[in-house]
Amino acid sequence: MLAYLSQHPINESMDLGLESFVLKSGDSLAQGSIYEIVINEDNHRMVMSEKITEVAAPTKVSYELNNDVLNRNLHFYLKEILPRLR
């Protein structure tokens, strides 16, 4: 998801509540980089800061997610769920 969002503009026709996803410092998808994420859902706007803490491409990314009420450390692991086609 991070890779897709960093390389593709937000599609305004998608009703995800995602207003923007902007790299604020560092290199794209690199450890230590900081993103600003703005969610606007039902006229409730939330601004979050995301700092990538670890990247083990292509299977893992860890980050700190912060906003006014939330401070979380999250880890995403990508695994193959379908058998490889031969």
Protein backbone atom coordinates (compact mmCIF):
# COMPACT_ATOMS: atom_id res chain seq x y z
CA MET A 1 0.00 0.00 0.00
CA LEU A 2 2.77 2.45 0.90
CA ALA A 3 4.57 1.83 -2.37
CA TYR A 4 1.39 2.30 -4.38
CA LEU A 5 0.41 5.52 -2.59
CA SER A 6 3.87 7.02 -2.87
CA GLN A 7 3.95 6.47 -6.64
CA HIS A 8 0.33 7.15 -7.66
CA PRO A 9 -1.82 10.26 -7.14
CA ILE A 10 -4.84 9.90 -4.91
CA ASN A 11 -7.88 9.00 -6.97
CA GLU A 12 -10.56 11.50 -5.95
CA SER A 13 -13.33 9.17 -7.08
CA MET A 14 -12.32 6.60 -4.47
CA ASP A 15 -14.33 7.04 -1.29
CA LEU A 16 -11.64 5.95 1.15
CA GLY A 17 -11.52 9.10 3.25
CA LEU A 18 -7.86 9.48 2.31
CA GLU A 19 -7.28 13.14 1.50
CA SER A 20 -3.51 13.08 1.14
CA PHE A 21 -0.39 10.99 1.73
CA VAL A 22 2.75 13.16 1.50
CA LEU A 23 6.43 12.42 2.07
CA LYS A 24 7.59 15.16 4.47
CA SER A 25 11.23 14.12 5.00
CA GLY A 26 13.67 11.41 4.02
CA ASP A 27 13.70 9.15 1.00
CA SER A 28 10.59 7.42 -0.30
CA LEU A 29 9.91 4.13 1.52
CA ALA A 30 13.22 4.28 3.43
CA GLN A 31 13.87 3.78 7.12
CA GLY A 32 13.55 7.11 8.92
CA SER A 33 11.32 8.73 6.30
CA ILE A 34 8.29 10.63 7.59
CA TYR A 35 4.91 10.90 5.89
CA GLU A 36 1.88 13.06 6.65
CA ILE A 37 -1.44 11.28 6.17
CA VAL A 38 -4.70 13.22 6.14
CA ILE A 39 -8.01 11.36 6.48
CA ASN A 40 -11.29 13.22 5.96
CA GLU A 41 -14.33 11.09 6.62
CA ASP A 42 -17.81 12.45 7.27
CA ASN A 43 -16.34 15.95 7.75
CA HIS A 44 -14.00 14.70 10.49
CA ARG A 45 -10.43 15.52 9.50
CA MET A 46 -7.51 13.66 11.10
CA VAL A 47 -3.84 14.45 10.45
CA MET A 48 -1.37 11.69 11.23
CA SER A 49 2.39 11.37 11.12
CA GLU A 50 3.97 8.09 10.03
CA LYS A 51 7.67 7.35 10.52
CA ILE A 52 9.09 4.22 8.88
CA THR A 53 11.20 2.40 11.47
CA GLU A 54 12.20 -0.70 9.50
CA VAL A 55 12.06 -1.93 5.92
CA ALA A 56 12.81 -5.53 5.01
CA ALA A 57 11.71 -5.53 1.38
CA PRO A 58 9.74 -7.12 -0.03
CA THR A 59 8.02 -8.71 2.96
CA LYS A 60 8.06 -6.33 5.95
CA VAL A 61 7.63 -2.68 6.84
CA SER A 62 7.36 -1.28 10.38
CA TYR A 63 6.34 2.23 11.31
CA GLU A 64 5.22 4.54 14.10
CA LEU A 65 1.82 6.13 13.55
CA ASN A 66 0.93 9.22 15.59
CA ASN A 67 -1.92 11.69 15.84
CA ASP A 68 -3.67 13.60 18.63
CA VAL A 69 -5.11 10.48 20.25
CA LEU A 70 -3.04 7.60 18.88
CA ASN A 71 0.58 6.52 19.16
CA ARG A 72 1.12 3.05 17.71
CA ASN A 73 3.99 0.91 16.48
CA LEU A 74 2.78 -1.26 13.61
CA HIS A 75 4.41 -4.08 11.63
CA PHE A 76 3.17 -5.31 8.26
CA TYR A 77 4.29 -8.66 6.90
CA LEU A 78 3.47 -9.61 3.33
CA LYS A 79 3.11 -13.30 2.63
CA GLU A 80 2.21 -15.20 -0.48
CA ILE A 81 -1.31 -16.54 -0.10
CA LEU A 82 -1.80 -18.14 -3.52
CA PRO A 83 0.36 -20.93 -4.90
CA ARG A 84 2.88 -19.76 -7.44
CA LEU A 85 1.88 -20.36 -11.03
CA ARG A 86 4.31 -22.41 -13.02
